[in-house]
Amino acid sequence: MRRAILAAPVRLASLLAAMMSLVPAAVAQDKGTLDPKPLPPLANPNDPNLAARELFARKLRPSAQQPRPIGFYAKGCMAGGISLPINGPSWQVMRLSRNRAWALPATVRLIERVADKAREQAGWNGILVGDMSQPRGGPMLTGHASHQVGLDADIWLTPMPNRQLSRNEREEMSAVMMVRSDRLDIEPSAWTPTHWKVIRAAALEPQVDRIFVNAAIKKALCREAKGDRSWLHKVRPMYGHDYHFHIRLRCPAGIEGCEAQAEPPPGEGCDASDFAYWFSDAVLHPKPPLKPPPPRHQLTLSELPAECRTVLNAPDKKPD
């Protein structure tokens, strides 16, 4: 009896190994790939309870439609997206295998301008670009709640090196932590006087609605910004964002169906009262919950704007 019990885990391990051998090879992405492999087909793609992220993650190309954001940043999709080239004169795209370097044309052009300004105004070689959106926007399998309508982009706070990174480096290289271990200020060994100039360059773009950073980074910006400080109004503290800043564009004028975010509070956001919540003990040292929280609700296709179904069913845009 004892020998049978001890052998059970071995038999279970063998069974799991055999099951894993049946998983389609398409699940495993090659690092640095520019040719993402499709996920396994869904057993029932018409299941009304299926998470929309499962549907949007399986679209490897944008829709052959006019470019347009649909819905809200965290509850929508994107028609007619385009990709940011993985290499530019002043930028490089990171984490290529995620296939998240898609956005609306206005967002792509803005990233290119910010990259040039980082070089011209801050002396950087350029910027490293993190996640933008999936080919058709929508909820993602992992990571962000927003980035769904082609108007969001993450920029690393690590300057671009003076060489082209290999595809493996783009997958393995980590961004530099900019926040001190006590979470109350920036890490002085990583933060430089050029960082605020790069964030300012993005914030001064008229199309930019908000820039999200860690509260410690916002604190440093308030302390270091010189000259015109009106742009600080757009820079808002947000959980995470220790390694990068998040650019969010406003809804384009005259586009119906794009849901704008409410205007941020007036002022620079640099008063002690503006930081009271973010530097409170409850935020800096949260206590573990007494019981595990329930799984986060995953949006279904029926919960997104109706036009997102059309975006999903539209034919693929042909490569340029």
Protein backbone atom coordinates (compact mmCIF):
# COMPACT_ATOMS: atom_id res chain seq x y z
CA MET A 1 0.00 0.00 0.00
CA ARG A 2 2.79 2.39 0.98
CA ARG A 3 4.66 1.63 -2.25
CA ALA A 4 1.50 2.35 -4.28
CA ILE A 5 1.04 5.73 -2.57
CA LEU A 6 4.66 6.71 -3.17
CA ALA A 7 4.41 5.67 -6.80
CA ALA A 8 1.32 7.83 -7.41
CA PRO A 9 3.23 11.12 -7.81
CA VAL A 10 5.57 9.42 -10.29
CA ARG A 11 2.65 8.15 -12.37
CA LEU A 12 1.02 11.61 -12.19
CA ALA A 13 4.24 13.29 -13.36
CA SER A 14 4.47 10.86 -16.29
CA LEU A 15 0.86 11.55 -17.20
CA LEU A 16 1.40 15.32 -17.12
CA ALA A 17 4.51 14.99 -19.27
CA ALA A 18 2.56 12.96 -21.81
CA MET A 19 -0.24 15.54 -21.85
CA MET A 20 2.23 18.39 -22.35
CA SER A 21 3.67 16.59 -25.36
CA LEU A 22 0.25 16.90 -27.00
CA VAL A 23 0.11 20.71 -26.63
CA PRO A 24 0.52 22.32 -30.07
CA ALA A 25 3.99 23.71 -30.70
CA ALA A 26 2.34 26.97 -31.76
CA VAL A 27 1.92 27.89 -28.10
CA ALA A 28 5.66 28.50 -27.64
CA GLN A 29 6.83 31.80 -29.10
CA ASP A 30 10.37 32.21 -30.36
CA LYS A 31 12.16 34.95 -28.49
CA GLY A 32 12.46 38.11 -30.51
CA THR A 33 10.20 36.79 -33.23
CA LEU A 34 8.65 39.07 -35.83
CA ASP A 35 6.40 36.24 -36.97
CA PRO A 36 4.22 35.45 -33.95
CA LYS A 37 2.73 31.98 -33.93
CA PRO A 38 -1.04 31.66 -33.52
CA LEU A 39 -2.45 30.38 -30.28
CA PRO A 40 -4.31 27.05 -30.38
CA PRO A 41 -7.86 27.37 -31.77
CA LEU A 42 -10.61 27.88 -29.24
CA ALA A 43 -12.99 24.99 -28.59
CA ASN A 44 -15.99 27.31 -28.68
CA PRO A 45 -15.14 30.82 -29.89
CA ASN A 46 -18.85 31.77 -29.81
CA ASP A 47 -19.23 31.04 -26.10
CA PRO A 48 -20.85 34.23 -24.70
CA ASN A 49 -18.94 33.77 -21.44
CA LEU A 50 -15.56 33.56 -23.15
CA ALA A 51 -13.15 36.31 -22.11
CA ALA A 52 -12.66 38.83 -24.93
CA ARG A 53 -8.92 38.71 -24.34
CA GLU A 54 -8.89 35.17 -25.76
CA LEU A 55 -10.35 36.46 -29.02
CA PHE A 56 -8.20 39.57 -29.44
CA ALA A 57 -4.99 37.74 -28.55
CA ARG A 58 -5.58 35.41 -31.49
CA LYS A 59 -5.58 38.22 -34.04
CA LEU A 60 -2.05 38.59 -35.40
CA ARG A 61 -2.82 41.33 -37.92
CA PRO A 62 -4.82 44.59 -37.68
CA SER A 63 -8.20 44.93 -39.33
CA ALA A 64 -8.54 46.25 -42.87
CA GLN A 65 -10.54 49.27 -41.72
CA GLN A 66 -10.07 53.00 -41.34
CA PRO A 67 -7.98 53.72 -38.21
CA ARG A 68 -10.20 54.51 -35.26
CA PRO A 69 -10.26 54.06 -31.47
CA ILE A 70 -13.46 52.43 -30.21
CA GLY A 71 -14.61 52.66 -26.59
CA PHE A 72 -12.59 53.48 -23.49
CA TYR A 73 -8.88 52.93 -22.85
CA ALA A 74 -9.67 49.92 -20.63
CA LYS A 75 -12.83 48.75 -22.42
CA GLY A 76 -12.59 48.91 -26.17
CA CYS A 77 -10.70 47.96 -29.31
CA MET A 78 -8.89 49.47 -32.29
CA ALA A 79 -9.74 49.45 -35.98
CA GLY A 80 -7.08 49.84 -38.67
CA GLY A 81 -3.98 49.89 -36.48
CA ILE A 82 -0.43 50.21 -37.78
CA SER A 83 2.86 49.06 -36.28
CA LEU A 84 5.77 51.11 -35.06
CA PRO A 85 8.89 49.98 -36.95
CA ILE A 86 11.05 47.96 -34.55
CA ASN A 87 14.08 50.18 -35.33
CA GLY A 88 14.20 53.89 -35.95
CA PRO A 89 16.83 56.61 -35.88
CA SER A 90 16.03 57.27 -32.22
CA TRP A 91 14.02 54.31 -30.95
CA GLN A 92 13.97 50.52 -30.64
CA VAL A 93 10.97 48.34 -29.80
CA MET A 94 11.32 45.85 -26.93
CA ARG A 95 9.65 42.48 -26.22
CA LEU A 96 8.98 41.77 -29.89
CA SER A 97 7.39 38.37 -29.30
CA ARG A 98 4.47 40.00 -27.50
CA ASN A 99 3.26 41.54 -30.77
CA ARG A 100 2.15 44.70 -28.97
CA ALA A 101 3.82 47.40 -31.07
CA TRP A 102 0.53 48.38 -32.75
CA ALA A 103 -1.38 51.63 -32.36
CA LEU A 104 -3.27 54.30 -34.24
CA PRO A 105 -1.21 56.32 -36.75
CA ALA A 106 -1.33 59.42 -34.50
CA THR A 107 0.18 57.43 -31.63
CA VAL A 108 2.96 56.02 -33.80
CA ARG A 109 3.86 59.49 -35.10
CA LEU A 110 3.89 60.88 -31.56
CA ILE A 111 6.25 58.16 -30.35
CA GLU A 112 8.60 58.99 -33.21
CA ARG A 113 8.54 62.70 -32.27
CA VAL A 114 9.15 61.99 -28.59
CA ALA A 115 12.07 59.75 -29.55
CA ASP A 116 13.65 62.56 -31.58
CA LYS A 117 13.11 65.04 -28.74
CA ALA A 118 14.74 62.65 -26.25
CA ARG A 119 17.84 62.78 -28.39
CA GLU A 120 17.74 66.50 -29.12
CA GLN A 121 16.65 67.86 -25.71
CA ALA A 122 17.99 65.29 -23.25
CA GLY A 123 21.03 63.97 -25.06
CA TRP A 124 19.79 60.37 -25.10
CA ASN A 125 20.62 58.11 -28.04
CA GLY A 126 16.90 57.47 -28.20
CA ILE A 127 14.13 55.62 -26.38
CA LEU A 128 13.18 52.01 -25.79
CA VAL A 129 9.49 51.41 -26.49
CA GLY A 130 7.54 48.89 -24.44
CA ASP A 131 3.95 47.76 -24.91
CA MET A 132 1.57 49.71 -27.09
CA SER A 133 -1.49 47.70 -28.22
CA GLN A 134 -2.33 44.38 -29.83
CA PRO A 135 -3.01 44.37 -33.61
CA ARG A 136 -6.72 45.03 -32.99
CA GLY A 137 -6.42 46.43 -29.49
CA GLY A 138 -8.82 44.94 -27.00
CA PRO A 139 -8.07 43.23 -23.68
CA MET A 140 -4.70 41.47 -23.37
CA LEU A 141 -4.02 37.99 -22.05
CA THR A 142 -1.45 39.36 -19.60
CA GLY A 143 -0.39 42.68 -18.17
CA HIS A 144 -2.40 45.78 -18.85
CA ALA A 145 -6.01 46.62 -18.20
CA SER A 146 -5.74 49.58 -20.57
CA HIS A 147 -3.83 49.83 -23.91
CA GLN A 148 -7.02 48.67 -25.66
CA VAL A 149 -7.80 51.44 -28.17
CA GLY A 150 -4.43 52.28 -29.70
CA LEU A 151 -3.86 55.47 -27.69
CA ASP A 152 -1.49 54.16 -24.98
CA ALA A 153 2.25 53.46 -25.08
CA ASP A 154 4.94 52.59 -22.52
CA ILE A 155 8.37 54.21 -22.76
CA TRP A 156 11.22 52.73 -20.76
CA LEU A 157 13.10 55.07 -18.45
CA THR A 158 16.27 53.28 -19.53
CA PRO A 159 17.87 55.26 -22.38
CA MET A 160 18.45 53.47 -25.66
CA PRO A 161 22.06 52.25 -25.96
CA ASN A 162 24.30 53.48 -28.74
CA ARG A 163 23.87 50.28 -30.74
CA GLN A 164 21.13 48.07 -32.08
CA LEU A 165 20.01 45.50 -29.53
CA SER A 166 19.77 41.86 -30.60
CA ARG A 167 16.37 40.22 -30.60
CA ASN A 168 17.37 38.11 -27.62
CA GLU A 169 18.45 41.24 -25.70
CA ARG A 170 15.07 42.81 -26.42
CA GLU A 171 13.44 39.87 -24.67
CA GLU A 172 15.88 39.38 -21.78
CA MET A 173 17.12 42.89 -20.98
CA SER A 174 15.43 44.45 -17.94
CA ALA A 175 14.55 48.10 -17.57
CA VAL A 176 16.31 49.91 -14.71
CA MET A 177 14.40 50.40 -11.44
CA MET A 178 13.99 54.14 -10.86
CA VAL A 179 12.36 54.03 -7.41
CA ARG A 180 14.26 53.85 -4.12
CA SER A 181 13.81 50.73 -1.99
CA ASP A 182 11.74 52.61 0.61
CA ARG A 183 9.42 53.76 -2.22
CA LEU A 184 9.56 57.40 -1.03
CA ASP A 185 11.80 58.87 -3.73
CA ILE A 186 13.78 58.07 -6.86
CA GLU A 187 16.87 55.86 -6.83
CA PRO A 188 19.74 58.39 -7.13
CA SER A 189 22.09 55.90 -8.75
CA ALA A 190 19.65 55.41 -11.64
CA TRP A 191 17.80 58.70 -12.02
CA THR A 192 19.59 61.46 -13.93
CA PRO A 193 18.87 65.15 -14.63
CA THR A 194 17.90 64.14 -18.18
CA HIS A 195 14.92 62.01 -17.22
CA TRP A 196 12.57 64.87 -16.49
CA LYS A 197 13.39 66.40 -19.87
CA VAL A 198 12.27 63.27 -21.69
CA ILE A 199 8.99 63.11 -19.75
CA ARG A 200 8.49 66.85 -20.33
CA ALA A 201 9.00 66.37 -24.07
CA ALA A 202 6.15 63.85 -24.11
CA ALA A 203 3.88 65.88 -21.82
CA LEU A 204 4.21 69.01 -23.97
CA GLU A 205 2.73 67.20 -26.97
CA PRO A 206 -0.78 68.68 -27.41
CA GLN A 207 -2.30 65.27 -28.16
CA VAL A 208 -1.12 63.80 -24.86
CA ASP A 209 -3.86 63.58 -22.25
CA ARG A 210 -1.90 62.01 -19.38
CA ILE A 211 1.43 60.52 -18.45
CA PHE A 212 1.48 57.92 -15.68
CA VAL A 213 4.53 57.46 -13.44
CA ASN A 214 5.27 56.10 -9.99
CA ALA A 215 4.51 58.67 -7.26
CA ALA A 216 8.22 58.83 -6.33
CA ILE A 217 9.01 59.81 -9.92
CA LYS A 218 6.31 62.47 -9.90
CA LYS A 219 7.86 63.79 -6.68
CA ALA A 220 11.24 64.06 -8.41
CA LEU A 221 9.68 65.84 -11.39
CA CYS A 222 8.06 68.39 -9.09
CA ARG A 223 11.41 69.02 -7.44
CA GLU A 224 13.55 69.21 -10.57
CA ALA A 225 11.39 70.74 -13.30
CA LYS A 226 12.60 74.16 -14.42
CA GLY A 227 11.02 76.93 -16.47
CA ASP A 228 7.47 76.33 -17.69
CA ARG A 229 5.94 73.79 -15.31
CA SER A 230 2.45 73.66 -16.80
CA TRP A 231 3.13 70.21 -18.25
CA LEU A 232 3.31 68.72 -14.73
CA HIS A 233 -0.48 68.89 -14.68
CA LYS A 234 -0.60 65.96 -17.11
CA VAL A 235 1.80 63.75 -15.13
CA ARG A 236 -0.19 61.64 -12.68
CA PRO A 237 0.94 59.08 -10.06
CA MET A 238 -0.12 55.51 -10.71
CA TYR A 239 0.61 52.09 -9.23
CA GLY A 240 3.66 50.43 -10.73
CA HIS A 241 5.42 52.46 -13.43
CA ASP A 242 8.70 52.14 -11.55
CA TYR A 243 10.66 51.38 -14.73
CA HIS A 244 8.75 53.21 -17.43
CA PHE A 245 6.32 56.02 -18.08
CA HIS A 246 2.98 55.54 -19.77
CA ILE A 247 1.81 57.98 -22.45
CA ARG A 248 -1.93 58.28 -23.07
CA LEU A 249 -3.29 60.31 -25.97
CA ARG A 250 -6.64 62.05 -25.82
CA CYS A 251 -9.50 60.94 -28.07
CA PRO A 252 -9.06 62.46 -31.55
CA ALA A 253 -11.35 65.38 -32.30
CA GLY A 254 -14.46 64.50 -34.24
CA ILE A 255 -14.21 60.74 -33.70
CA GLU A 256 -17.45 59.28 -32.37
CA GLY A 257 -17.32 56.24 -30.15
CA CYS A 258 -14.04 57.07 -28.42
CA GLU A 259 -14.70 57.60 -24.72
CA ALA A 260 -12.54 60.35 -23.21
CA GLN A 261 -11.13 60.31 -19.70
CA ALA A 262 -12.16 63.04 -17.28
CA GLU A 263 -9.74 65.95 -16.99
CA PRO A 264 -7.19 65.60 -14.16
CA PRO A 265 -7.55 67.93 -11.16
CA PRO A 266 -6.24 71.47 -11.67
CA GLY A 267 -2.74 72.49 -10.62
CA GLU A 268 0.68 70.91 -10.90
CA GLY A 269 -0.15 68.05 -8.55
CA CYS A 270 2.94 68.81 -6.47
CA ASP A 271 1.42 69.71 -3.09
CA ALA A 272 1.83 67.48 -0.06
CA SER A 273 -1.88 66.71 -0.23
CA ASP A 274 -1.39 65.31 -3.75
CA PHE A 275 1.09 62.76 -2.40
CA ALA A 276 -0.63 61.94 0.91
CA TYR A 277 -2.42 58.88 -0.44
CA TRP A 278 0.48 57.53 -2.50
CA PHE A 279 2.97 57.72 0.37
CA SER A 280 0.57 56.43 3.01
CA ASP A 281 1.47 53.28 4.90
CA ALA A 282 -1.54 51.47 3.42
CA VAL A 283 -0.17 51.97 -0.09
CA LEU A 284 3.54 51.54 0.64
CA HIS A 285 3.08 48.54 2.96
CA PRO A 286 -0.27 46.94 2.13
CA LYS A 287 -1.39 44.20 4.47
CA PRO A 288 -2.19 40.85 2.88
CA PRO A 289 -5.93 40.19 2.64
CA LEU A 290 -7.48 37.90 5.21
CA LYS A 291 -8.70 35.69 2.38
CA PRO A 292 -7.64 35.56 -1.25
CA PRO A 293 -9.59 38.02 -3.41
CA PRO A 294 -11.83 36.53 -6.09
CA PRO A 295 -10.41 36.36 -9.61
CA ARG A 296 -10.70 39.63 -11.49
CA HIS A 297 -13.64 39.75 -13.86
CA GLN A 298 -12.60 39.32 -17.48
CA LEU A 299 -14.51 41.36 -20.03
CA THR A 300 -16.54 39.41 -22.56
CA LEU A 301 -17.09 40.54 -26.13
CA SER A 302 -20.69 41.55 -25.31
CA GLU A 303 -19.37 43.97 -22.67
CA LEU A 304 -17.23 45.83 -25.19
CA PRO A 305 -18.68 48.34 -27.68
CA ALA A 306 -20.74 46.56 -30.34
CA GLU A 307 -18.34 47.68 -33.08
CA CYS A 308 -15.58 45.56 -31.54
CA ARG A 309 -17.32 42.47 -32.92
CA THR A 310 -17.01 44.01 -36.39
CA VAL A 311 -13.34 44.73 -35.76
CA LEU A 312 -12.73 41.10 -34.78
CA ASN A 313 -14.51 39.76 -37.85
CA ALA A 314 -12.95 42.18 -40.34
CA PRO A 315 -10.36 40.82 -42.80
CA ASP A 316 -6.68 41.28 -42.05
CA LYS A 317 -4.95 44.41 -43.26
CA LYS A 318 -2.33 43.48 -45.84
CA PRO A 319 1.30 44.14 -44.89
CA ASP A 320 2.77 47.33 -46.31
